[in-house]
Amino acid sequence: MSTKFLSRLSQNYIEILEDDEYYDVAIEVVSDGKNSGRILAIIKLPNISPEIFQIILKYIYGGIISLNEQESSETLKILVAADELHLQELVDYFQKYLIENKVEWMERHFELTHKISFQCNSLLKLQKFCTDFMAKFPEKVSKSLDFTSLPEKSLVSLIKSDDLQMKEVKVWDHVLKWGLTQNKTLTSDPDSWTDDDFKIMENTLQDCLPLIRFFSLSSEEFFQKVRPYKRLLKSQLYEELLGSYLDSNIKPSDNILLPRNRNIDEIIDSKIVNLNIVSLISRWIDKIDIKSKFSYTRELYLPYEFELLLRGSKNGFSPENFHTL
């Protein structure tokens, strides 16, 4: 038979915490230049406010956290403090709490949420939440968050996503602008760059360049947006890119990144005909890349809306139904 002592033991620790008569260690969160003379050691935590630290102390002494009393912004501050103090159990708990209960608040205050999540290396779940939200709603995020201000880790996570809902040429534009922001001495005109300038930019973007789906671009996008920066790309990659637009007989290599997944409503209401098929049919209609072996690597081409004329589960599967359309 076992007896649960934790609740009573925790209460005893809380009583010790609230008793200020005997102590020999002071943890300073706001310095007032005073001490009682009895302190043997002082631990300074200048990044944590007294109010937040009091909440942390109640957790340390008694395992008590009252979330209902906290504003969401305060919850983020507690999370940052827990991360600084390496209280991983508390870090995991608060991340889960925010993601399960405060999604709307975090979306409304996305810039703050994103900034805090990527300031702390251990907030991996919150970082994933931010990356997934940016990938799903890039246009919405761009109204409150400048992509050029993203930490490199955040940018890399975002452009690595297969579900990023952004045209690849815009992804490339954002990456270039981000690189220019990191190198204030470079002009926006690559024609004026020296060999050293290209090397600087290549080093800056070394973790981003392999994640760009260059083969998804149209020939016009390649010519206008990529060709001026060809010295940033490996020569073999650039030659294969160039060949994919000029020679329909060239076979793609095995390591080409495929186009990102697109979530587009109202193109077609079908459970069989997916967007890849719609894109292929649209290319046939407009005679675009119909002979190229690289057509499957190109970004989805969706200039038309398609109307579903017959659904077997609704209209039946007989040939007569089809021929009466």
C-alpha atoms as a PDB file:
ATOM      1  CA  MET A   1       0.000   0.000   0.000  1.00  0.00           C
ATOM      2  CA  SER A   2       1.350   3.398  -0.914  1.00  0.00           C
ATOM      3  CA  THR A   3       0.423   6.801   0.445  1.00  0.00           C
ATOM      4  CA  LYS A   4       0.623  10.016  -1.522  1.00  0.00           C
ATOM      5  CA  PHE A   5       2.711  12.524   0.423  1.00  0.00           C
ATOM      6  CA  LEU A   6       3.406  14.983  -2.390  1.00  0.00           C
ATOM      7  CA  SER A   7       0.545  17.401  -1.763  1.00  0.00           C
ATOM      8  CA  ARG A   8       1.383  17.797   1.941  1.00  0.00           C
ATOM      9  CA  LEU A   9       5.116  17.949   1.252  1.00  0.00           C
ATOM     10  CA  SER A  10       4.552  20.607  -1.405  1.00  0.00           C
ATOM     11  CA  GLN A  11       2.503  22.647   1.060  1.00  0.00           C
ATOM     12  CA  ASN A  12       5.375  22.497   3.544  1.00  0.00           C
ATOM     13  CA  TYR A  13       7.772  23.785   0.896  1.00  0.00           C
ATOM     14  CA  ILE A  14       5.381  26.619   0.050  1.00  0.00           C
ATOM     15  CA  GLU A  15       5.311  27.608   3.722  1.00  0.00           C
ATOM     16  CA  ILE A  16       9.111  27.667   3.717  1.00  0.00           C
ATOM     17  CA  LEU A  17       9.051  29.845   0.603  1.00  0.00           C
ATOM     18  CA  GLU A  18       6.722  32.348   2.243  1.00  0.00           C
ATOM     19  CA  ASP A  19       8.764  32.436   5.462  1.00  0.00           C
ATOM     20  CA  ASP A  20      11.387  35.176   5.042  1.00  0.00           C
ATOM     21  CA  GLU A  21      12.965  34.727   8.470  1.00  0.00           C
ATOM     22  CA  TYR A  22      15.661  32.212   7.574  1.00  0.00           C
ATOM     23  CA  TYR A  23      17.525  32.234   4.276  1.00  0.00           C
ATOM     24  CA  ASP A  24      21.146  32.335   3.184  1.00  0.00           C
ATOM     25  CA  VAL A  25      20.773  32.644  -0.611  1.00  0.00           C
ATOM     26  CA  ALA A  26      19.250  35.620  -2.408  1.00  0.00           C
ATOM     27  CA  ILE A  27      18.103  35.419  -6.014  1.00  0.00           C
ATOM     28  CA  GLU A  28      18.156  38.930  -7.374  1.00  0.00           C
ATOM     29  CA  VAL A  29      15.759  39.704 -10.202  1.00  0.00           C
ATOM     30  CA  VAL A  30      15.669  43.481  -9.612  1.00  0.00           C
ATOM     31  CA  SER A  31      18.632  45.111  -7.921  1.00  0.00           C
ATOM     32  CA  ASP A  32      17.968  47.643  -5.165  1.00  0.00           C
ATOM     33  CA  GLY A  33      21.525  47.664  -3.846  1.00  0.00           C
ATOM     34  CA  LYS A  34      20.430  46.383  -0.420  1.00  0.00           C
ATOM     35  CA  ASN A  35      20.828  43.132   1.488  1.00  0.00           C
ATOM     36  CA  SER A  36      20.472  42.081   5.100  1.00  0.00           C
ATOM     37  CA  GLY A  37      24.086  41.088   5.607  1.00  0.00           C
ATOM     38  CA  ARG A  38      23.126  37.458   6.273  1.00  0.00           C
ATOM     39  CA  ILE A  39      23.250  36.387   2.629  1.00  0.00           C
ATOM     40  CA  LEU A  40      25.983  33.928   1.707  1.00  0.00           C
ATOM     41  CA  ALA A  41      25.352  33.968  -2.043  1.00  0.00           C
ATOM     42  CA  ILE A  42      23.519  36.103  -4.587  1.00  0.00           C
ATOM     43  CA  ILE A  43      22.206  34.709  -7.860  1.00  0.00           C
ATOM     44  CA  LYS A  44      21.336  37.389 -10.392  1.00  0.00           C
ATOM     45  CA  LEU A  45      18.626  36.865 -13.015  1.00  0.00           C
ATOM     46  CA  PRO A  46      18.253  40.285 -14.655  1.00  0.00           C
ATOM     47  CA  ASN A  47      16.004  39.050 -17.474  1.00  0.00           C
ATOM     48  CA  ILE A  48      13.245  37.806 -15.172  1.00  0.00           C
ATOM     49  CA  SER A  49      10.821  40.132 -13.412  1.00  0.00           C
ATOM     50  CA  PRO A  50       9.977  39.631  -9.709  1.00  0.00           C
ATOM     51  CA  GLU A  51       6.355  38.773 -10.557  1.00  0.00           C
ATOM     52  CA  ILE A  52       7.346  36.089 -13.055  1.00  0.00           C
ATOM     53  CA  PHE A  53      10.007  34.688 -10.755  1.00  0.00           C
ATOM     54  CA  GLN A  54       7.506  34.392  -7.912  1.00  0.00           C
ATOM     55  CA  ILE A  55       5.369  32.193 -10.161  1.00  0.00           C
ATOM     56  CA  ILE A  56       8.433  30.108 -11.027  1.00  0.00           C
ATOM     57  CA  LEU A  57       9.316  29.739  -7.334  1.00  0.00           C
ATOM     58  CA  LYS A  58       5.844  28.412  -6.530  1.00  0.00           C
ATOM     59  CA  TYR A  59       6.370  25.781  -9.205  1.00  0.00           C
ATOM     60  CA  ILE A  60       9.835  24.866  -7.886  1.00  0.00           C
ATOM     61  CA  TYR A  61       8.728  24.673  -4.259  1.00  0.00           C
ATOM     62  CA  GLY A  62       5.228  23.318  -4.630  1.00  0.00           C
ATOM     63  CA  GLY A  63       4.652  22.177  -8.197  1.00  0.00           C
ATOM     64  CA  ILE A  64       1.912  24.813  -8.509  1.00  0.00           C
ATOM     65  CA  ILE A  65       1.120  26.710 -11.698  1.00  0.00           C
ATOM     66  CA  SER A  66      -2.164  28.578 -12.068  1.00  0.00           C
ATOM     67  CA  LEU A  67      -2.669  29.334 -15.749  1.00  0.00           C
ATOM     68  CA  ASN A  68      -6.210  30.647 -15.497  1.00  0.00           C
ATOM     69  CA  GLU A  69      -4.962  33.728 -13.693  1.00  0.00           C
ATOM     70  CA  GLN A  70      -2.361  34.595 -16.324  1.00  0.00           C
ATOM     71  CA  GLU A  71      -2.681  36.722 -19.425  1.00  0.00           C
ATOM     72  CA  SER A  72      -1.310  35.050 -22.549  1.00  0.00           C
ATOM     73  CA  SER A  73       1.508  37.592 -22.762  1.00  0.00           C
ATOM     74  CA  GLU A  74       2.469  36.730 -19.179  1.00  0.00           C
ATOM     75  CA  THR A  75       2.383  33.045 -20.057  1.00  0.00           C
ATOM     76  CA  LEU A  76       4.984  33.702 -22.752  1.00  0.00           C
ATOM     77  CA  LYS A  77       7.162  35.493 -20.199  1.00  0.00           C
ATOM     78  CA  ILE A  78       6.892  32.541 -17.823  1.00  0.00           C
ATOM     79  CA  LEU A  79       7.844  30.257 -20.702  1.00  0.00           C
ATOM     80  CA  VAL A  80      10.952  32.327 -21.460  1.00  0.00           C
ATOM     81  CA  ALA A  81      11.913  32.316 -17.777  1.00  0.00           C
ATOM     82  CA  ALA A  82      11.439  28.549 -17.581  1.00  0.00           C
ATOM     83  CA  ASP A  83      13.664  28.155 -20.622  1.00  0.00           C
ATOM     84  CA  GLU A  84      16.372  30.353 -19.089  1.00  0.00           C
ATOM     85  CA  LEU A  85      16.249  28.292 -15.888  1.00  0.00           C
ATOM     86  CA  HIS A  86      16.283  25.004 -17.864  1.00  0.00           C
ATOM     87  CA  LEU A  87      12.978  23.839 -16.379  1.00  0.00           C
ATOM     88  CA  GLN A  88      12.205  21.563 -19.310  1.00  0.00           C
ATOM     89  CA  GLU A  89       9.082  20.046 -17.778  1.00  0.00           C
ATOM     90  CA  LEU A  90       7.603  23.518 -17.447  1.00  0.00           C
ATOM     91  CA  VAL A  91       8.775  24.497 -20.940  1.00  0.00           C
ATOM     92  CA  ASP A  92       7.034  21.486 -22.483  1.00  0.00           C
ATOM     93  CA  TYR A  93       3.882  22.063 -20.456  1.00  0.00           C
ATOM     94  CA  PHE A  94       3.546  25.738 -21.405  1.00  0.00           C
ATOM     95  CA  GLN A  95       4.196  25.080 -25.087  1.00  0.00           C
ATOM     96  CA  LYS A  96       1.459  22.457 -25.130  1.00  0.00           C
ATOM     97  CA  TYR A  97      -0.890  24.744 -23.213  1.00  0.00           C
ATOM     98  CA  LEU A  98      -0.399  27.650 -25.624  1.00  0.00           C
ATOM     99  CA  ILE A  99      -0.793  25.519 -28.750  1.00  0.00           C
ATOM    100  CA  GLU A 100      -3.910  23.775 -27.462  1.00  0.00           C
ATOM    101  CA  ASN A 101      -5.620  26.756 -25.833  1.00  0.00           C
ATOM    102  CA  LYS A 102      -4.255  30.051 -27.152  1.00  0.00           C
ATOM    103  CA  VAL A 103      -4.014  29.635 -30.921  1.00  0.00           C
ATOM    104  CA  GLU A 104      -6.191  32.651 -31.715  1.00  0.00           C
ATOM    105  CA  TRP A 105      -4.225  34.876 -29.361  1.00  0.00           C
ATOM    106  CA  MET A 106      -0.895  33.741 -30.823  1.00  0.00           C
ATOM    107  CA  GLU A 107      -2.153  34.372 -34.349  1.00  0.00           C
ATOM    108  CA  ARG A 108      -3.255  37.891 -33.390  1.00  0.00           C
ATOM    109  CA  HIS A 109       0.106  38.511 -31.720  1.00  0.00           C
ATOM    110  CA  PHE A 110       2.148  36.473 -34.152  1.00  0.00           C
ATOM    111  CA  GLU A 111       5.168  38.765 -34.331  1.00  0.00           C
ATOM    112  CA  LEU A 112       5.661  38.546 -30.553  1.00  0.00           C
ATOM    113  CA  THR A 113       5.032  34.796 -30.474  1.00  0.00           C
ATOM    114  CA  HIS A 114       7.449  34.179 -33.331  1.00  0.00           C
ATOM    115  CA  LYS A 115      10.158  36.406 -31.860  1.00  0.00           C
ATOM    116  CA  ILE A 116      10.053  34.673 -28.490  1.00  0.00           C
ATOM    117  CA  SER A 117       9.880  31.149 -29.910  1.00  0.00           C
ATOM    118  CA  PHE A 118      13.035  31.595 -31.989  1.00  0.00           C
ATOM    119  CA  GLN A 119      14.925  33.424 -29.249  1.00  0.00           C
ATOM    120  CA  CYS A 120      14.898  30.241 -27.186  1.00  0.00           C
ATOM    121  CA  ASN A 121      16.463  27.112 -28.647  1.00  0.00           C
ATOM    122  CA  SER A 122      14.353  24.686 -26.638  1.00  0.00           C
ATOM    123  CA  LEU A 123      10.943  25.997 -27.765  1.00  0.00           C
ATOM    124  CA  LEU A 124      10.785  23.545 -30.655  1.00  0.00           C
ATOM    125  CA  LYS A 125       7.026  22.949 -30.522  1.00  0.00           C
ATOM    126  CA  LEU A 126       6.285  26.654 -30.563  1.00  0.00           C
ATOM    127  CA  GLN A 127       8.783  27.138 -33.391  1.00  0.00           C
ATOM    128  CA  LYS A 128       6.998  24.451 -35.398  1.00  0.00           C
ATOM    129  CA  PHE A 129       3.657  26.124 -34.727  1.00  0.00           C
ATOM    130  CA  CYS A 130       5.029  29.421 -36.048  1.00  0.00           C
ATOM    131  CA  THR A 131       6.611  27.803 -39.113  1.00  0.00           C
ATOM    132  CA  ASP A 132       3.427  25.905 -39.970  1.00  0.00           C
ATOM    133  CA  PHE A 133       1.340  29.060 -39.589  1.00  0.00           C
ATOM    134  CA  MET A 134       3.698  31.074 -41.803  1.00  0.00           C
ATOM    135  CA  ALA A 135       3.701  28.306 -44.406  1.00  0.00           C
ATOM    136  CA  LYS A 136      -0.089  28.125 -44.459  1.00  0.00           C
ATOM    137  CA  PHE A 137      -0.808  31.869 -44.350  1.00  0.00           C
ATOM    138  CA  PRO A 138       2.251  33.725 -45.697  1.00  0.00           C
ATOM    139  CA  GLU A 139       0.226  36.672 -46.992  1.00  0.00           C
ATOM    140  CA  LYS A 140      -1.481  37.151 -43.641  1.00  0.00           C
ATOM    141  CA  VAL A 141       1.819  36.908 -41.761  1.00  0.00           C
ATOM    142  CA  SER A 142       3.580  39.370 -44.063  1.00  0.00           C
ATOM    143  CA  LYS A 143       1.195  42.121 -42.918  1.00  0.00           C
ATOM    144  CA  SER A 144       2.630  42.006 -39.403  1.00  0.00           C
ATOM    145  CA  LEU A 145       6.040  40.402 -39.888  1.00  0.00           C
ATOM    146  CA  ASP A 146       8.798  41.450 -42.270  1.00  0.00           C
ATOM    147  CA  PHE A 147      10.375  38.335 -43.779  1.00  0.00           C
ATOM    148  CA  THR A 148      13.751  40.085 -43.939  1.00  0.00           C
ATOM    149  CA  SER A 149      13.736  40.258 -40.134  1.00  0.00           C
ATOM    150  CA  LEU A 150      13.418  36.492 -39.700  1.00  0.00           C
ATOM    151  CA  PRO A 151      16.233  34.706 -37.877  1.00  0.00           C
ATOM    152  CA  GLU A 152      18.087  32.385 -40.239  1.00  0.00           C
ATOM    153  CA  LYS A 153      16.772  29.317 -38.415  1.00  0.00           C
ATOM    154  CA  SER A 154      13.199  30.469 -38.963  1.00  0.00           C
ATOM    155  CA  LEU A 155      13.760  31.298 -42.632  1.00  0.00           C
ATOM    156  CA  VAL A 156      15.382  27.925 -43.314  1.00  0.00           C
ATOM    157  CA  SER A 157      12.548  26.075 -41.550  1.00  0.00           C
ATOM    158  CA  LEU A 158       9.996  27.991 -43.595  1.00  0.00           C
ATOM    159  CA  ILE A 159      11.475  27.470 -47.058  1.00  0.00           C
ATOM    160  CA  LYS A 160      12.168  23.819 -46.243  1.00  0.00           C
ATOM    161  CA  SER A 161       8.429  23.230 -45.871  1.00  0.00           C
ATOM    162  CA  ASP A 162       6.698  21.360 -48.692  1.00  0.00           C
ATOM    163  CA  ASP A 163       3.464  23.078 -47.678  1.00  0.00           C
ATOM    164  CA  LEU A 164       4.598  26.687 -48.024  1.00  0.00           C
ATOM    165  CA  GLN A 165       1.713  28.417 -49.815  1.00  0.00           C
ATOM    166  CA  MET A 166       3.798  30.814 -51.852  1.00  0.00           C
ATOM    167  CA  LYS A 167       4.863  30.861 -55.469  1.00  0.00           C
ATOM    168  CA  GLU A 168       8.469  29.794 -55.799  1.00  0.00           C
ATOM    169  CA  VAL A 169       9.509  33.002 -57.516  1.00  0.00           C
ATOM    170  CA  LYS A 170       8.293  34.911 -54.441  1.00  0.00           C
ATOM    171  CA  VAL A 171      10.202  32.550 -52.176  1.00  0.00           C
ATOM    172  CA  TRP A 172      13.331  33.340 -54.199  1.00  0.00           C
ATOM    173  CA  ASP A 173      12.623  37.081 -53.972  1.00  0.00           C
ATOM    174  CA  HIS A 174      12.219  36.907 -50.196  1.00  0.00           C
ATOM    175  CA  VAL A 175      15.437  34.925 -49.796  1.00  0.00           C
ATOM    176  CA  LEU A 176      17.373  37.458 -51.877  1.00  0.00           C
ATOM    177  CA  LYS A 177      15.925  40.375 -49.894  1.00  0.00           C
ATOM    178  CA  TRP A 178      16.796  38.587 -46.663  1.00  0.00           C
ATOM    179  CA  GLY A 179      20.370  38.123 -47.884  1.00  0.00           C
ATOM    180  CA  LEU A 180      20.655  41.801 -48.809  1.00  0.00           C
ATOM    181  CA  THR A 181      19.390  42.775 -45.359  1.00  0.00           C
ATOM    182  CA  GLN A 182      22.200  40.753 -43.797  1.00  0.00           C
ATOM    183  CA  ASN A 183      24.756  42.523 -46.015  1.00  0.00           C
ATOM    184  CA  LYS A 184      24.020  46.244 -45.969  1.00  0.00           C
ATOM    185  CA  THR A 185      27.013  47.069 -48.170  1.00  0.00           C
ATOM    186  CA  LEU A 186      25.592  45.189 -51.169  1.00  0.00           C
ATOM    187  CA  THR A 187      23.400  46.993 -53.670  1.00  0.00           C
ATOM    188  CA  SER A 188      20.189  45.479 -55.005  1.00  0.00           C
ATOM    189  CA  ASP A 189      21.640  45.387 -58.536  1.00  0.00           C
ATOM    190  CA  PRO A 190      23.644  42.163 -59.065  1.00  0.00           C
ATOM    191  CA  ASP A 191      25.203  43.625 -62.231  1.00  0.00           C
ATOM    192  CA  SER A 192      27.251  45.896 -59.979  1.00  0.00           C
ATOM    193  CA  TRP A 193      28.487  43.091 -57.729  1.00  0.00           C
ATOM    194  CA  THR A 194      32.123  42.056 -57.667  1.00  0.00           C
ATOM    195  CA  ASP A 195      33.385  38.497 -57.304  1.00  0.00           C
ATOM    196  CA  ASP A 196      33.736  39.112 -53.573  1.00  0.00           C
ATOM    197  CA  ASP A 197      30.161  40.393 -53.378  1.00  0.00           C
ATOM    198  CA  PHE A 198      28.825  37.211 -54.951  1.00  0.00           C
ATOM    199  CA  LYS A 199      30.944  35.149 -52.573  1.00  0.00           C
ATOM    200  CA  ILE A 200      29.605  37.064 -49.581  1.00  0.00           C
ATOM    201  CA  MET A 201      26.011  36.530 -50.683  1.00  0.00           C
ATOM    202  CA  GLU A 202      26.642  32.864 -51.468  1.00  0.00           C
ATOM    203  CA  ASN A 203      28.035  32.320 -47.975  1.00  0.00           C
ATOM    204  CA  THR A 204      25.084  34.157 -46.439  1.00  0.00           C
ATOM    205  CA  LEU A 205      22.564  32.013 -48.327  1.00  0.00           C
ATOM    206  CA  GLN A 206      24.440  28.716 -48.148  1.00  0.00           C
ATOM    207  CA  ASP A 207      21.694  27.049 -46.077  1.00  0.00           C
ATOM    208  CA  CYS A 208      18.873  28.571 -48.144  1.00  0.00           C
ATOM    209  CA  LEU A 209      19.979  27.980 -51.734  1.00  0.00           C
ATOM    210  CA  PRO A 210      19.628  24.153 -51.632  1.00  0.00           C
ATOM    211  CA  LEU A 211      16.000  24.571 -50.499  1.00  0.00           C
ATOM    212  CA  ILE A 212      14.799  26.713 -53.411  1.00  0.00           C
ATOM    213  CA  ARG A 213      12.738  24.743 -55.941  1.00  0.00           C
ATOM    214  CA  PHE A 214      14.426  26.350 -58.958  1.00  0.00           C
ATOM    215  CA  PHE A 215      13.016  23.791 -61.380  1.00  0.00           C
ATOM    216  CA  SER A 216       9.501  24.875 -60.397  1.00  0.00           C
ATOM    217  CA  LEU A 217      10.031  28.236 -62.074  1.00  0.00           C
ATOM    218  CA  SER A 218       8.767  29.066 -65.524  1.00  0.00           C
ATOM    219  CA  SER A 219      11.269  29.937 -68.241  1.00  0.00           C
ATOM    220  CA  GLU A 220      10.341  33.622 -67.926  1.00  0.00           C
ATOM    221  CA  GLU A 221      10.848  33.570 -64.155  1.00  0.00           C
ATOM    222  CA  PHE A 222      14.167  31.799 -64.577  1.00  0.00           C
ATOM    223  CA  PHE A 223      15.394  34.309 -67.148  1.00  0.00           C
ATOM    224  CA  GLN A 224      14.276  37.396 -65.250  1.00  0.00           C
ATOM    225  CA  LYS A 225      14.848  36.356 -61.641  1.00  0.00           C
ATOM    226  CA  VAL A 226      17.543  33.665 -61.513  1.00  0.00           C
ATOM    227  CA  ARG A 227      19.849  34.305 -64.466  1.00  0.00           C
ATOM    228  CA  PRO A 228      21.160  37.630 -63.019  1.00  0.00           C
ATOM    229  CA  TYR A 229      22.264  35.689 -59.914  1.00  0.00           C
ATOM    230  CA  LYS A 230      23.647  32.632 -61.709  1.00  0.00           C
ATOM    231  CA  ARG A 231      27.011  33.004 -59.967  1.00  0.00           C
ATOM    232  CA  LEU A 232      25.300  32.172 -56.681  1.00  0.00           C
ATOM    233  CA  LEU A 233      24.405  28.725 -58.017  1.00  0.00           C
ATOM    234  CA  LYS A 234      26.646  25.729 -58.519  1.00  0.00           C
ATOM    235  CA  SER A 235      27.634  25.488 -62.177  1.00  0.00           C
ATOM    236  CA  GLN A 236      26.164  21.988 -62.568  1.00  0.00           C
ATOM    237  CA  LEU A 237      22.816  23.112 -61.157  1.00  0.00           C
ATOM    238  CA  TYR A 238      22.711  26.171 -63.377  1.00  0.00           C
ATOM    239  CA  GLU A 239      23.551  24.188 -66.513  1.00  0.00           C
ATOM    240  CA  GLU A 240      20.836  21.638 -65.768  1.00  0.00           C
ATOM    241  CA  LEU A 241      18.359  24.433 -65.113  1.00  0.00           C
ATOM    242  CA  LEU A 242      19.241  26.117 -68.378  1.00  0.00           C
ATOM    243  CA  GLY A 243      18.998  22.835 -70.264  1.00  0.00           C
ATOM    244  CA  SER A 244      15.581  22.077 -68.789  1.00  0.00           C
ATOM    245  CA  TYR A 245      14.192  25.133 -70.577  1.00  0.00           C
ATOM    246  CA  LEU A 246      16.091  24.759 -73.849  1.00  0.00           C
ATOM    247  CA  ASP A 247      16.246  21.025 -74.583  1.00  0.00           C
ATOM    248  CA  SER A 248      13.122  18.870 -74.186  1.00  0.00           C
ATOM    249  CA  ASN A 249      15.211  15.685 -74.510  1.00  0.00           C
ATOM    250  CA  ILE A 250      17.331  16.253 -71.397  1.00  0.00           C
ATOM    251  CA  LYS A 251      16.433  13.894 -68.565  1.00  0.00           C
ATOM    252  CA  PRO A 252      16.079  15.316 -65.043  1.00  0.00           C
ATOM    253  CA  SER A 253      18.526  14.179 -62.375  1.00  0.00           C
ATOM    254  CA  ASP A 254      17.243  12.240 -59.381  1.00  0.00           C
ATOM    255  CA  ASN A 255      17.822  14.899 -56.735  1.00  0.00           C
ATOM    256  CA  ILE A 256      15.497  17.619 -58.028  1.00  0.00           C
ATOM    257  CA  LEU A 257      13.140  19.074 -55.435  1.00  0.00           C
ATOM    258  CA  LEU A 258       9.533  18.715 -56.551  1.00  0.00           C
ATOM    259  CA  PRO A 259       7.053  21.615 -56.457  1.00  0.00           C
ATOM    260  CA  ARG A 260       5.503  22.514 -53.132  1.00  0.00           C
ATOM    261  CA  ASN A 261       2.049  21.293 -52.224  1.00  0.00           C
ATOM    262  CA  ARG A 262      -0.686  23.776 -53.022  1.00  0.00           C
ATOM    263  CA  ASN A 263      -3.935  24.169 -51.114  1.00  0.00           C
ATOM    264  CA  ILE A 264      -6.282  25.835 -53.556  1.00  0.00           C
ATOM    265  CA  ASP A 265     -10.048  25.709 -53.228  1.00  0.00           C
ATOM    266  CA  GLU A 266     -12.580  25.994 -56.029  1.00  0.00           C
ATOM    267  CA  ILE A 267     -10.274  24.789 -58.825  1.00  0.00           C
ATOM    268  CA  ILE A 268     -12.166  21.509 -59.096  1.00  0.00           C
ATOM    269  CA  ASP A 269     -14.458  19.534 -56.812  1.00  0.00           C
ATOM    270  CA  SER A 270     -13.196  16.002 -57.377  1.00  0.00           C
ATOM    271  CA  LYS A 271     -11.848  13.111 -55.344  1.00  0.00           C
ATOM    272  CA  ILE A 272     -10.043  11.581 -58.342  1.00  0.00           C
ATOM    273  CA  VAL A 273      -8.786  14.500 -60.412  1.00  0.00           C
ATOM    274  CA  ASN A 274      -6.178  16.238 -58.257  1.00  0.00           C
ATOM    275  CA  LEU A 275      -4.374  19.526 -58.845  1.00  0.00           C
ATOM    276  CA  ASN A 276      -1.450  17.818 -60.581  1.00  0.00           C
ATOM    277  CA  ILE A 277      -3.822  16.395 -63.203  1.00  0.00           C
ATOM    278  CA  VAL A 278      -5.573  19.753 -63.546  1.00  0.00           C
ATOM    279  CA  SER A 279      -2.194  21.426 -64.044  1.00  0.00           C
ATOM    280  CA  LEU A 280      -1.215  18.887 -66.719  1.00  0.00           C
ATOM    281  CA  ILE A 281      -4.494  19.378 -68.616  1.00  0.00           C
ATOM    282  CA  SER A 282      -4.068  23.163 -68.402  1.00  0.00           C
ATOM    283  CA  ARG A 283      -0.585  22.852 -69.898  1.00  0.00           C
ATOM    284  CA  TRP A 284      -2.019  20.785 -72.755  1.00  0.00           C
ATOM    285  CA  ILE A 285      -4.637  23.459 -73.386  1.00  0.00           C
ATOM    286  CA  ASP A 286      -2.074  26.274 -73.483  1.00  0.00           C
ATOM    287  CA  LYS A 287       0.682  24.116 -75.026  1.00  0.00           C
ATOM    288  CA  ILE A 288       3.173  24.808 -72.259  1.00  0.00           C
ATOM    289  CA  ASP A 289       6.024  22.356 -71.578  1.00  0.00           C
ATOM    290  CA  ILE A 290       4.022  19.545 -73.142  1.00  0.00           C
ATOM    291  CA  LYS A 291       7.136  17.803 -74.488  1.00  0.00           C
ATOM    292  CA  SER A 292       9.574  18.615 -71.712  1.00  0.00           C
ATOM    293  CA  LYS A 293      10.669  15.799 -69.426  1.00  0.00           C
ATOM    294  CA  PHE A 294      10.842  18.431 -66.683  1.00  0.00           C
ATOM    295  CA  SER A 295       7.134  19.252 -66.803  1.00  0.00           C
ATOM    296  CA  TYR A 296       6.476  17.350 -63.565  1.00  0.00           C
ATOM    297  CA  THR A 297       9.029  19.528 -61.767  1.00  0.00           C
ATOM    298  CA  ARG A 298       7.338  22.789 -62.730  1.00  0.00           C
ATOM    299  CA  GLU A 299       5.061  24.664 -60.393  1.00  0.00           C
ATOM    300  CA  LEU A 300       1.386  23.867 -60.764  1.00  0.00           C
ATOM    301  CA  TYR A 301      -0.145  25.702 -63.698  1.00  0.00           C
ATOM    302  CA  LEU A 302      -3.702  26.577 -62.700  1.00  0.00           C
ATOM    303  CA  PRO A 303      -5.128  29.380 -64.851  1.00  0.00           C
ATOM    304  CA  TYR A 304      -8.562  27.763 -65.189  1.00  0.00           C
ATOM    305  CA  GLU A 305     -11.421  26.598 -63.024  1.00  0.00           C
ATOM    306  CA  PHE A 306     -12.846  23.181 -63.891  1.00  0.00           C
ATOM    307  CA  GLU A 307     -16.463  22.187 -63.423  1.00  0.00           C
ATOM    308  CA  LEU A 308     -17.214  18.643 -62.313  1.00  0.00           C
ATOM    309  CA  LEU A 309     -19.931  17.312 -64.629  1.00  0.00           C
ATOM    310  CA  LEU A 310     -20.446  13.853 -63.195  1.00  0.00           C
ATOM    311  CA  ARG A 311     -19.707  12.131 -59.901  1.00  0.00           C
ATOM    312  CA  GLY A 312     -20.190   8.374 -59.867  1.00  0.00           C
ATOM    313  CA  SER A 313     -21.218   8.203 -56.226  1.00  0.00           C
ATOM    314  CA  LYS A 314     -23.948  10.759 -56.921  1.00  0.00           C
ATOM    315  CA  ASN A 315     -24.941  10.299 -60.576  1.00  0.00           C
ATOM    316  CA  GLY A 316     -24.189   6.621 -61.048  1.00  0.00           C
ATOM    317  CA  PHE A 317     -21.469   4.786 -62.966  1.00  0.00           C
ATOM    318  CA  SER A 318     -23.356   3.708 -66.085  1.00  0.00           C
ATOM    319  CA  PRO A 319     -22.110   4.713 -69.579  1.00  0.00           C
ATOM    320  CA  GLU A 320     -25.567   6.089 -70.320  1.00  0.00           C
ATOM    321  CA  ASN A 321     -25.217   8.712 -67.611  1.00  0.00           C
ATOM    322  CA  PHE A 322     -21.901   9.814 -69.058  1.00  0.00           C
ATOM    323  CA  HIS A 323     -23.156  10.060 -72.641  1.00  0.00           C
ATOM    324  CA  THR A 324     -26.209  12.094 -71.687  1.00  0.00           C
ATOM    325  CA  LEU A 325     -24.084  14.973 -70.402  1.00  0.00           C
END
